[in-house]
C-alpha atoms as a PDB file:
ATOM      1  CA  MET A   1       8.634  22.911   4.433  1.00  0.00           C
ATOM      2  CA  ILE A   2       7.502  20.989   7.512  1.00  0.00           C
ATOM      3  CA  ILE A   3       9.245  17.679   8.261  1.00  0.00           C
ATOM      4  CA  ASP A   4       7.766  15.733  11.153  1.00  0.00           C
ATOM      5  CA  ASP A   5       6.701  12.134  11.683  1.00  0.00           C
ATOM      6  CA  SER A   6       3.626  13.353  13.611  1.00  0.00           C
ATOM      7  CA  SER A   7       0.662  13.962  11.326  1.00  0.00           C
ATOM      8  CA  THR A   8      -0.810  16.253  14.003  1.00  0.00           C
ATOM      9  CA  ILE A   9       2.255  18.514  13.980  1.00  0.00           C
ATOM     10  CA  ARG A  10       2.387  18.557  10.173  1.00  0.00           C
ATOM     11  CA  LYS A  11      -1.319  19.409   9.919  1.00  0.00           C
ATOM     12  CA  SER A  12      -1.163  22.122  12.610  1.00  0.00           C
ATOM     13  CA  ALA A  13       1.805  23.816  10.943  1.00  0.00           C
ATOM     14  CA  GLU A  14       0.138  23.539   7.541  1.00  0.00           C
ATOM     15  CA  ILE A  15      -3.041  25.198   8.828  1.00  0.00           C
ATOM     16  CA  PHE A  16      -1.102  27.992  10.568  1.00  0.00           C
ATOM     17  CA  LEU A  17       1.048  28.725   7.522  1.00  0.00           C
ATOM     18  CA  LYS A  18      -1.553  28.369   4.777  1.00  0.00           C
ATOM     19  CA  SER A  19      -3.907  30.712   6.644  1.00  0.00           C
ATOM     20  CA  SER A  20      -1.096  33.287   6.472  1.00  0.00           C
ATOM     21  CA  GLY A  21      -0.711  32.809   2.725  1.00  0.00           C
ATOM     22  CA  TYR A  22       2.315  30.501   2.617  1.00  0.00           C
ATOM     23  CA  ASP A  23       2.726  27.472   0.367  1.00  0.00           C
ATOM     24  CA  VAL A  24       3.538  24.440   2.507  1.00  0.00           C
ATOM     25  CA  ILE A  25       5.425  21.261   1.624  1.00  0.00           C
ATOM     26  CA  LEU A  26       5.041  18.330   4.022  1.00  0.00           C
ATOM     27  CA  ALA A  27       7.382  15.406   4.646  1.00  0.00           C
ATOM     28  CA  GLU A  28       7.122  12.503   7.098  1.00  0.00           C
ATOM     29  CA  ASP A  29      10.843  11.945   7.729  1.00  0.00           C
ATOM     30  CA  GLY A  30      14.324  12.891   6.582  1.00  0.00           C
ATOM     31  CA  PHE A  31      14.365  10.547   3.590  1.00  0.00           C
ATOM     32  CA  ASP A  32      11.000  11.796   2.358  1.00  0.00           C
ATOM     33  CA  ALA A  33      12.227  15.372   2.841  1.00  0.00           C
ATOM     34  CA  ILE A  34      15.449  15.043   0.836  1.00  0.00           C
ATOM     35  CA  SER A  35      13.638  14.261  -2.426  1.00  0.00           C
ATOM     36  CA  LYS A  36      10.970  16.899  -1.797  1.00  0.00           C
ATOM     37  CA  ILE A  37      13.620  19.554  -1.091  1.00  0.00           C
ATOM     38  CA  VAL A  38      15.251  18.897  -4.466  1.00  0.00           C
ATOM     39  CA  ASP A  39      11.891  19.033  -6.260  1.00  0.00           C
ATOM     40  CA  ASN A  40      10.439  22.063  -4.427  1.00  0.00           C
ATOM     41  CA  GLN A  41      13.349  24.316  -3.330  1.00  0.00           C
ATOM     42  CA  PRO A  42      11.768  25.509  -0.027  1.00  0.00           C
ATOM     43  CA  ASN A  43      12.661  28.921   1.396  1.00  0.00           C
ATOM     44  CA  ILE A  44      12.753  27.593   4.970  1.00  0.00           C
ATOM     45  CA  ILE A  45      12.692  24.128   6.539  1.00  0.00           C
ATOM     46  CA  PHE A  46      11.162  23.214   9.905  1.00  0.00           C
ATOM     47  CA  MET A  47      12.443  19.788  10.952  1.00  0.00           C
ATOM     48  CA  ASP A  48      11.588  17.488  13.828  1.00  0.00           C
ATOM     49  CA  ILE A  49      14.588  15.970  15.581  1.00  0.00           C
ATOM     50  CA  VAL A  50      13.244  12.556  16.578  1.00  0.00           C
ATOM     51  CA  MET A  51      12.097  10.720  13.441  1.00  0.00           C
ATOM     52  CA  PRO A  52      12.428   7.159  12.149  1.00  0.00           C
ATOM     53  CA  ARG A  53      14.986   6.151   9.499  1.00  0.00           C
ATOM     54  CA  LEU A  54      16.827   9.490   9.304  1.00  0.00           C
ATOM     55  CA  ASP A  55      16.605  11.797  12.311  1.00  0.00           C
ATOM     56  CA  GLY A  56      16.542  15.576  12.154  1.00  0.00           C
ATOM     57  CA  TYR A  57      20.215  16.031  13.002  1.00  0.00           C
ATOM     58  CA  GLN A  58      21.309  13.645  10.244  1.00  0.00           C
ATOM     59  CA  ALA A  59      18.915  15.147   7.698  1.00  0.00           C
ATOM     60  CA  CYS A  60      20.038  18.676   8.594  1.00  0.00           C
ATOM     61  CA  MET A  61      23.690  17.730   8.080  1.00  0.00           C
ATOM     62  CA  LEU A  62      22.890  16.227   4.658  1.00  0.00           C
ATOM     63  CA  ILE A  63      20.963  19.323   3.600  1.00  0.00           C
ATOM     64  CA  LYS A  64      23.633  21.748   4.785  1.00  0.00           C
ATOM     65  CA  ARG A  65      26.450  19.776   3.102  1.00  0.00           C
ATOM     66  CA  ASN A  66      24.836  20.424  -0.277  1.00  0.00           C
ATOM     67  CA  PRO A  67      26.055  23.821  -1.552  1.00  0.00           C
ATOM     68  CA  ALA A  68      22.668  24.473  -3.170  1.00  0.00           C
ATOM     69  CA  TYR A  69      20.945  24.436   0.250  1.00  0.00           C
ATOM     70  CA  GLN A  70      23.594  25.804   2.621  1.00  0.00           C
ATOM     71  CA  SER A  71      21.802  29.146   2.789  1.00  0.00           C
ATOM     72  CA  THR A  72      18.345  27.596   3.300  1.00  0.00           C
ATOM     73  CA  PRO A  73      17.372  28.127   6.946  1.00  0.00           C
ATOM     74  CA  VAL A  74      16.751  24.889   8.853  1.00  0.00           C
ATOM     75  CA  ILE A  75      14.794  25.247  12.091  1.00  0.00           C
ATOM     76  CA  MET A  76      14.842  22.261  14.442  1.00  0.00           C
ATOM     77  CA  LEU A  77      11.521  21.308  16.069  1.00  0.00           C
ATOM     78  CA  SER A  78      11.546  19.448  19.355  1.00  0.00           C
ATOM     79  CA  SER A  79       9.605  18.953  22.542  1.00  0.00           C
ATOM     80  CA  LYS A  80      12.977  19.062  24.327  1.00  0.00           C
ATOM     81  CA  ASP A  81      14.144  22.516  25.331  1.00  0.00           C
ATOM     82  CA  GLY A  82      17.550  21.714  26.790  1.00  0.00           C
ATOM     83  CA  ILE A  83      20.770  23.521  25.980  1.00  0.00           C
ATOM     84  CA  PHE A  84      22.356  20.221  24.855  1.00  0.00           C
ATOM     85  CA  ASP A  85      19.624  19.663  22.255  1.00  0.00           C
ATOM     86  CA  LYS A  86      19.984  23.213  20.935  1.00  0.00           C
ATOM     87  CA  ALA A  87      23.775  22.907  20.771  1.00  0.00           C
ATOM     88  CA  LYS A  88      23.544  19.584  18.941  1.00  0.00           C
ATOM     89  CA  GLY A  89      21.202  21.214  16.422  1.00  0.00           C
ATOM     90  CA  ARG A  90      23.695  24.032  15.816  1.00  0.00           C
ATOM     91  CA  ILE A  91      26.499  21.520  15.314  1.00  0.00           C
ATOM     92  CA  ALA A  92      24.325  19.745  12.721  1.00  0.00           C
ATOM     93  CA  GLY A  93      23.941  23.065  10.906  1.00  0.00           C
ATOM     94  CA  SER A  94      20.535  24.288  12.016  1.00  0.00           C
ATOM     95  CA  ASN A  95      19.864  28.002  12.103  1.00  0.00           C
ATOM     96  CA  ASP A  96      17.406  28.060  14.986  1.00  0.00           C
ATOM     97  CA  TYR A  97      15.283  25.974  17.330  1.00  0.00           C
ATOM     98  CA  LEU A  98      11.536  26.000  17.978  1.00  0.00           C
ATOM     99  CA  THR A  99      10.018  24.093  20.882  1.00  0.00           C
ATOM    100  CA  LYS A 100       6.869  22.022  20.388  1.00  0.00           C
ATOM    101  CA  PRO A 101       4.055  22.595  20.870  1.00  0.00           C
ATOM    102  CA  PHE A 102       4.506  25.771  18.859  1.00  0.00           C
ATOM    103  CA  THR A 103       2.034  28.522  18.088  1.00  0.00           C
ATOM    104  CA  ALA A 104       1.143  30.141  14.790  1.00  0.00           C
ATOM    105  CA  GLU A 105       2.957  33.278  15.977  1.00  0.00           C
ATOM    106  CA  GLY A 106       6.054  31.230  16.833  1.00  0.00           C
ATOM    107  CA  LEU A 107       6.218  29.805  13.312  1.00  0.00           C
ATOM    108  CA  LEU A 108       5.527  33.146  11.657  1.00  0.00           C
ATOM    109  CA  SER A 109       8.094  34.918  13.820  1.00  0.00           C
ATOM    110  CA  ILE A 110      10.814  32.490  12.684  1.00  0.00           C
ATOM    111  CA  ILE A 111       9.770  32.915   9.055  1.00  0.00           C
ATOM    112  CA  ARG A 112       9.965  36.709   9.366  1.00  0.00           C
ATOM    113  CA  LYS A 113      13.408  36.357  10.924  1.00  0.00           C
ATOM    114  CA  TYR A 114      14.880  34.200   8.133  1.00  0.00           C
ATOM    115  CA  VAL A 115      12.852  34.703   4.959  1.00  0.00           C
ATOM    116  CA  VAL A 116      12.985  38.096   3.275  1.00  0.00           C
END
C-alpha cells in the first residue's frame, strides 16, 4: 500500500511495484488509508509523513494500535532525512524509513526486507 498526498509519488511507486509483479493499493491520506487497510489487508504500508487531515505519524500510531495490524510493516516516506524525523517515526511505530525521492530498487529492497 502506498499512502501519499502527492499523485506523482503514488503513481511512481505504483509503476515501480506493478512492473515487479506486486498488487498496489493507493491512498491519498491517513483517513483514506484506514478504510482501505481494513478492506485490503496489505502486506506492507509505505506512508508519507506530511499529509492533510491525518499525518503519517498519527496514521501509523492508529494502525499499530490495532492488534490485527501490529505486525504489518509501516515504512515512513519523507523528503526529510534527519535523525529527529526517523526517531519520531519509530516512536509512532514505524518499522523503517525511506527518503524521497526513492528509486524502484529502494522500494523493492524494503519489501524484500519485510515481506517474506
